[in-house]
Amino acid sequence: MADIELVVDLRGRPIETLNDFWDAVAGPCGLPEWFGRNLDAWSDTIHARGISNVIDSHDLLVVHVDQQGLFSEGRQAGHALAGVFDGEQNRLVVHATK
């Protein structure tokens, strides 16, 4: 049986800050209004589960973003966010922009 993936494609959406990222994933990931909007809260949500019924109902979370704004080379906040993804149960795919 294949793994059930939740794919959140944010390509083409301007994401300059962590708040922009939280705004972008809140709906598709079913984040509650009380979600902490910080890296620890995101880590708990995607690793420990139990915070979002949407994420919990999928085996894998895959988030696609463009390599710009928050995810540009040298952006520390983007690098820190990428480090929260484990590459197995949850993946961040950064696509080169043209």
N, C-alpha and C. Protein backbone atom coordinates (compact mmCIF):
# COMPACT_ATOMS: atom_id res chain seq x y z
N MET A 1 0.85 -1.18 0.00
CA MET A 1 0.00 0.00 0.00
C MET A 1 0.90 1.25 0.00
N ALA A 2 0.57 2.20 -0.84
CA ALA A 2 1.36 3.42 -0.99
C ALA A 2 1.12 4.36 0.19
N ASP A 3 2.15 5.14 0.52
CA ASP A 3 2.01 6.16 1.55
C ASP A 3 1.06 7.25 1.07
N ILE A 4 0.30 7.79 1.97
CA ILE A 4 -0.61 8.88 1.65
C ILE A 4 0.13 10.19 1.89
N GLU A 5 0.31 10.96 0.83
CA GLU A 5 1.06 12.22 0.90
C GLU A 5 0.12 13.41 0.95
N LEU A 6 0.48 14.36 1.80
CA LEU A 6 -0.13 15.68 1.78
C LEU A 6 0.87 16.58 1.08
N VAL A 7 0.53 17.05 -0.11
CA VAL A 7 1.42 17.89 -0.89
C VAL A 7 0.90 19.33 -0.82
N VAL A 8 1.76 20.21 -0.34
CA VAL A 8 1.44 21.64 -0.25
C VAL A 8 2.38 22.36 -1.19
N ASP A 9 1.85 22.86 -2.30
CA ASP A 9 2.67 23.50 -3.33
C ASP A 9 2.54 25.01 -3.21
N LEU A 10 3.62 25.63 -2.72
CA LEU A 10 3.62 27.07 -2.51
C LEU A 10 4.41 27.81 -3.59
N ARG A 11 4.78 27.09 -4.65
CA ARG A 11 5.53 27.74 -5.73
C ARG A 11 4.69 28.85 -6.35
N GLY A 12 5.36 29.96 -6.64
CA GLY A 12 4.68 31.10 -7.22
C GLY A 12 4.09 32.05 -6.19
N ARG A 13 4.12 31.65 -4.96
CA ARG A 13 3.60 32.49 -3.88
C ARG A 13 4.76 33.23 -3.22
N PRO A 14 4.66 34.53 -3.05
CA PRO A 14 5.76 35.26 -2.41
C PRO A 14 5.84 34.92 -0.91
N ILE A 15 6.98 34.40 -0.51
CA ILE A 15 7.20 34.05 0.90
C ILE A 15 8.51 34.71 1.31
N GLU A 16 8.40 35.83 1.99
CA GLU A 16 9.57 36.61 2.40
C GLU A 16 9.95 36.37 3.86
N THR A 17 8.98 35.99 4.69
CA THR A 17 9.22 35.86 6.12
C THR A 17 8.63 34.54 6.64
N LEU A 18 9.00 34.18 7.86
CA LEU A 18 8.39 33.00 8.48
C LEU A 18 6.88 33.20 8.62
N ASN A 19 6.43 34.41 8.94
CA ASN A 19 4.99 34.65 9.03
C ASN A 19 4.30 34.40 7.69
N ASP A 20 4.95 34.77 6.58
CA ASP A 20 4.39 34.46 5.26
C ASP A 20 4.25 32.95 5.08
N PHE A 21 5.26 32.20 5.55
CA PHE A 21 5.21 30.74 5.45
C PHE A 21 4.06 30.19 6.29
N TRP A 22 3.94 30.67 7.55
CA TRP A 22 2.84 30.18 8.40
C TRP A 22 1.49 30.47 7.76
N ASP A 23 1.34 31.70 7.20
CA ASP A 23 0.09 32.06 6.52
C ASP A 23 -0.19 31.11 5.36
N ALA A 24 0.86 30.75 4.63
CA ALA A 24 0.71 29.91 3.43
C ALA A 24 0.35 28.47 3.77
N VAL A 25 0.89 27.93 4.85
CA VAL A 25 0.63 26.52 5.17
C VAL A 25 -0.56 26.32 6.11
N ALA A 26 -1.02 27.39 6.75
CA ALA A 26 -2.08 27.27 7.75
C ALA A 26 -3.32 26.57 7.21
N GLY A 27 -3.83 27.02 6.08
CA GLY A 27 -5.04 26.43 5.51
C GLY A 27 -4.83 25.01 5.01
N PRO A 28 -3.89 24.80 4.08
CA PRO A 28 -3.70 23.45 3.53
C PRO A 28 -3.29 22.41 4.58
N CYS A 29 -2.62 22.84 5.64
CA CYS A 29 -2.17 21.91 6.67
C CYS A 29 -3.14 21.82 7.85
N GLY A 30 -4.20 22.61 7.81
CA GLY A 30 -5.20 22.56 8.87
C GLY A 30 -4.67 22.99 10.22
N LEU A 31 -3.82 24.02 10.22
CA LEU A 31 -3.26 24.49 11.49
C LEU A 31 -4.33 25.22 12.30
N PRO A 32 -4.44 24.94 13.57
CA PRO A 32 -5.44 25.64 14.39
C PRO A 32 -5.05 27.10 14.59
N GLU A 33 -6.03 27.93 14.92
CA GLU A 33 -5.76 29.36 15.12
C GLU A 33 -4.75 29.60 16.23
N TRP A 34 -4.69 28.72 17.21
CA TRP A 34 -3.77 28.89 18.34
C TRP A 34 -2.36 28.40 18.03
N PHE A 35 -2.11 27.94 16.80
CA PHE A 35 -0.79 27.44 16.42
C PHE A 35 0.28 28.49 16.75
N GLY A 36 1.39 28.05 17.34
CA GLY A 36 2.41 28.94 17.88
C GLY A 36 3.22 29.76 16.90
N ARG A 37 3.23 29.42 15.62
CA ARG A 37 3.96 30.16 14.61
C ARG A 37 5.42 30.34 14.96
N ASN A 38 6.06 29.26 15.35
CA ASN A 38 7.50 29.27 15.58
C ASN A 38 8.04 27.89 15.20
N LEU A 39 9.35 27.78 15.12
CA LEU A 39 9.96 26.54 14.65
C LEU A 39 9.69 25.36 15.58
N ASP A 40 9.63 25.60 16.88
CA ASP A 40 9.33 24.51 17.81
C ASP A 40 7.91 23.98 17.60
N ALA A 41 6.97 24.89 17.42
CA ALA A 41 5.58 24.48 17.19
C ALA A 41 5.46 23.73 15.87
N TRP A 42 6.16 24.19 14.84
CA TRP A 42 6.12 23.51 13.54
C TRP A 42 6.74 22.12 13.66
N SER A 43 7.85 22.02 14.38
CA SER A 43 8.49 20.73 14.58
C SER A 43 7.55 19.75 15.28
N ASP A 44 6.89 20.20 16.34
CA ASP A 44 5.92 19.35 17.03
C ASP A 44 4.80 18.92 16.09
N THR A 45 4.35 19.84 15.26
CA THR A 45 3.24 19.55 14.35
C THR A 45 3.60 18.49 13.33
N ILE A 46 4.80 18.57 12.76
CA ILE A 46 5.15 17.65 11.67
C ILE A 46 5.86 16.38 12.15
N HIS A 47 6.44 16.41 13.34
CA HIS A 47 7.14 15.22 13.86
C HIS A 47 6.30 14.44 14.86
N ALA A 48 5.90 15.11 15.92
CA ALA A 48 5.17 14.43 16.99
C ALA A 48 3.70 14.21 16.62
N ARG A 49 3.21 15.09 15.73
CA ARG A 49 1.81 15.06 15.30
C ARG A 49 0.90 15.37 16.48
N GLY A 50 -0.42 15.28 16.27
CA GLY A 50 -1.37 15.56 17.33
C GLY A 50 -1.87 16.99 17.38
N ILE A 51 -1.39 17.85 16.48
CA ILE A 51 -1.82 19.25 16.48
C ILE A 51 -2.77 19.53 15.31
N SER A 52 -2.49 18.92 14.17
CA SER A 52 -3.31 19.13 12.97
C SER A 52 -3.89 17.80 12.50
N ASN A 53 -5.21 17.73 12.47
CA ASN A 53 -5.87 16.51 11.97
C ASN A 53 -5.54 16.27 10.51
N VAL A 54 -5.33 17.35 9.75
CA VAL A 54 -5.00 17.22 8.33
C VAL A 54 -3.64 16.54 8.17
N ILE A 55 -2.63 17.06 8.84
CA ILE A 55 -1.29 16.45 8.75
C ILE A 55 -1.32 15.04 9.33
N ASP A 56 -2.00 14.87 10.45
CA ASP A 56 -2.04 13.56 11.11
C ASP A 56 -2.68 12.48 10.24
N SER A 57 -3.56 12.87 9.33
CA SER A 57 -4.24 11.88 8.49
C SER A 57 -3.42 11.49 7.26
N HIS A 58 -2.20 11.97 7.16
CA HIS A 58 -1.30 11.64 6.06
C HIS A 58 -0.01 11.04 6.59
N ASP A 59 0.57 10.13 5.82
CA ASP A 59 1.84 9.52 6.21
C ASP A 59 3.01 10.47 5.97
N LEU A 60 2.91 11.24 4.89
CA LEU A 60 3.99 12.12 4.47
C LEU A 60 3.48 13.53 4.23
N LEU A 61 4.31 14.51 4.57
CA LEU A 61 4.04 15.91 4.25
C LEU A 61 5.14 16.38 3.33
N VAL A 62 4.78 16.91 2.16
CA VAL A 62 5.75 17.43 1.21
C VAL A 62 5.35 18.87 0.88
N VAL A 63 6.26 19.80 1.17
CA VAL A 63 6.01 21.22 0.91
C VAL A 63 6.97 21.67 -0.18
N HIS A 64 6.42 22.21 -1.27
CA HIS A 64 7.21 22.73 -2.40
C HIS A 64 7.25 24.26 -2.31
N VAL A 65 8.46 24.82 -2.44
CA VAL A 65 8.63 26.28 -2.43
C VAL A 65 9.62 26.67 -3.52
N ASP A 66 9.59 27.95 -3.88
CA ASP A 66 10.58 28.51 -4.80
C ASP A 66 11.82 28.93 -4.03
N GLN A 67 12.96 28.86 -4.68
CA GLN A 67 14.22 29.30 -4.08
C GLN A 67 14.34 30.81 -4.24
N GLN A 68 13.54 31.52 -3.48
CA GLN A 68 13.55 32.98 -3.47
C GLN A 68 12.96 33.45 -2.15
N GLY A 69 13.11 34.71 -1.85
CA GLY A 69 12.58 35.24 -0.60
C GLY A 69 13.18 34.51 0.59
N LEU A 70 12.33 33.97 1.44
CA LEU A 70 12.76 33.26 2.64
C LEU A 70 13.71 32.11 2.31
N PHE A 71 13.55 31.52 1.14
CA PHE A 71 14.34 30.33 0.77
C PHE A 71 15.49 30.66 -0.17
N SER A 72 15.89 31.93 -0.24
CA SER A 72 17.06 32.33 -1.02
C SER A 72 18.32 31.86 -0.32
N GLU A 73 19.39 31.74 -1.08
CA GLU A 73 20.69 31.38 -0.50
C GLU A 73 21.04 32.39 0.59
N GLY A 74 21.56 31.88 1.70
CA GLY A 74 22.04 32.76 2.76
C GLY A 74 21.00 33.28 3.73
N ARG A 75 19.74 32.96 3.54
CA ARG A 75 18.69 33.43 4.47
C ARG A 75 18.63 32.49 5.67
N GLN A 76 19.11 32.95 6.81
CA GLN A 76 19.22 32.12 8.00
C GLN A 76 17.87 31.56 8.45
N ALA A 77 16.81 32.37 8.41
CA ALA A 77 15.50 31.91 8.85
C ALA A 77 14.99 30.77 7.96
N GLY A 78 15.22 30.89 6.66
CA GLY A 78 14.82 29.83 5.73
C GLY A 78 15.62 28.56 5.96
N HIS A 79 16.90 28.71 6.23
CA HIS A 79 17.76 27.56 6.51
C HIS A 79 17.30 26.87 7.80
N ALA A 80 16.98 27.65 8.82
CA ALA A 80 16.51 27.08 10.08
C ALA A 80 15.19 26.33 9.88
N LEU A 81 14.27 26.91 9.11
CA LEU A 81 13.00 26.26 8.82
C LEU A 81 13.24 24.95 8.06
N ALA A 82 14.10 24.99 7.04
CA ALA A 82 14.39 23.78 6.27
C ALA A 82 14.96 22.68 7.16
N GLY A 83 15.72 23.06 8.18
CA GLY A 83 16.31 22.09 9.08
C GLY A 83 15.30 21.34 9.94
N VAL A 84 14.09 21.87 10.07
CA VAL A 84 13.05 21.21 10.85
C VAL A 84 12.50 19.99 10.10
N PHE A 85 12.50 20.05 8.78
CA PHE A 85 12.02 18.94 7.97
C PHE A 85 13.03 17.80 8.04
N ASP A 86 12.56 16.56 8.19
CA ASP A 86 13.49 15.44 8.34
C ASP A 86 13.86 14.76 7.02
N GLY A 87 13.17 15.09 5.94
CA GLY A 87 13.48 14.48 4.65
C GLY A 87 12.87 13.11 4.45
N GLU A 88 12.20 12.60 5.45
CA GLU A 88 11.56 11.29 5.35
C GLU A 88 10.06 11.40 5.53
N GLN A 89 9.62 11.65 6.76
CA GLN A 89 8.20 11.79 7.04
C GLN A 89 7.68 13.15 6.57
N ASN A 90 8.57 14.10 6.49
CA ASN A 90 8.19 15.44 6.03
C ASN A 90 9.37 16.02 5.25
N ARG A 91 9.04 16.55 4.07
CA ARG A 91 10.08 17.05 3.18
C ARG A 91 9.76 18.46 2.71
N LEU A 92 10.81 19.25 2.61
CA LEU A 92 10.74 20.57 1.99
C LEU A 92 11.50 20.48 0.69
N VAL A 93 10.84 20.75 -0.42
CA VAL A 93 11.47 20.71 -1.74
C VAL A 93 11.59 22.14 -2.23
N VAL A 94 12.84 22.60 -2.35
CA VAL A 94 13.11 23.97 -2.80
C VAL A 94 13.45 23.91 -4.28
N HIS A 95 12.64 24.56 -5.10
CA HIS A 95 12.81 24.56 -6.56
C HIS A 95 13.56 25.81 -7.02
N ALA A 96 14.57 25.60 -7.83
CA ALA A 96 15.32 26.73 -8.40
C ALA A 96 14.37 27.58 -9.23
N THR A 97 14.50 28.89 -9.10
CA THR A 97 13.66 29.79 -9.90
C THR A 97 14.40 30.19 -11.16
N LYS A 98 13.63 30.52 -12.16
CA LYS A 98 14.22 30.86 -13.46
C LYS A 98 14.45 32.34 -13.58
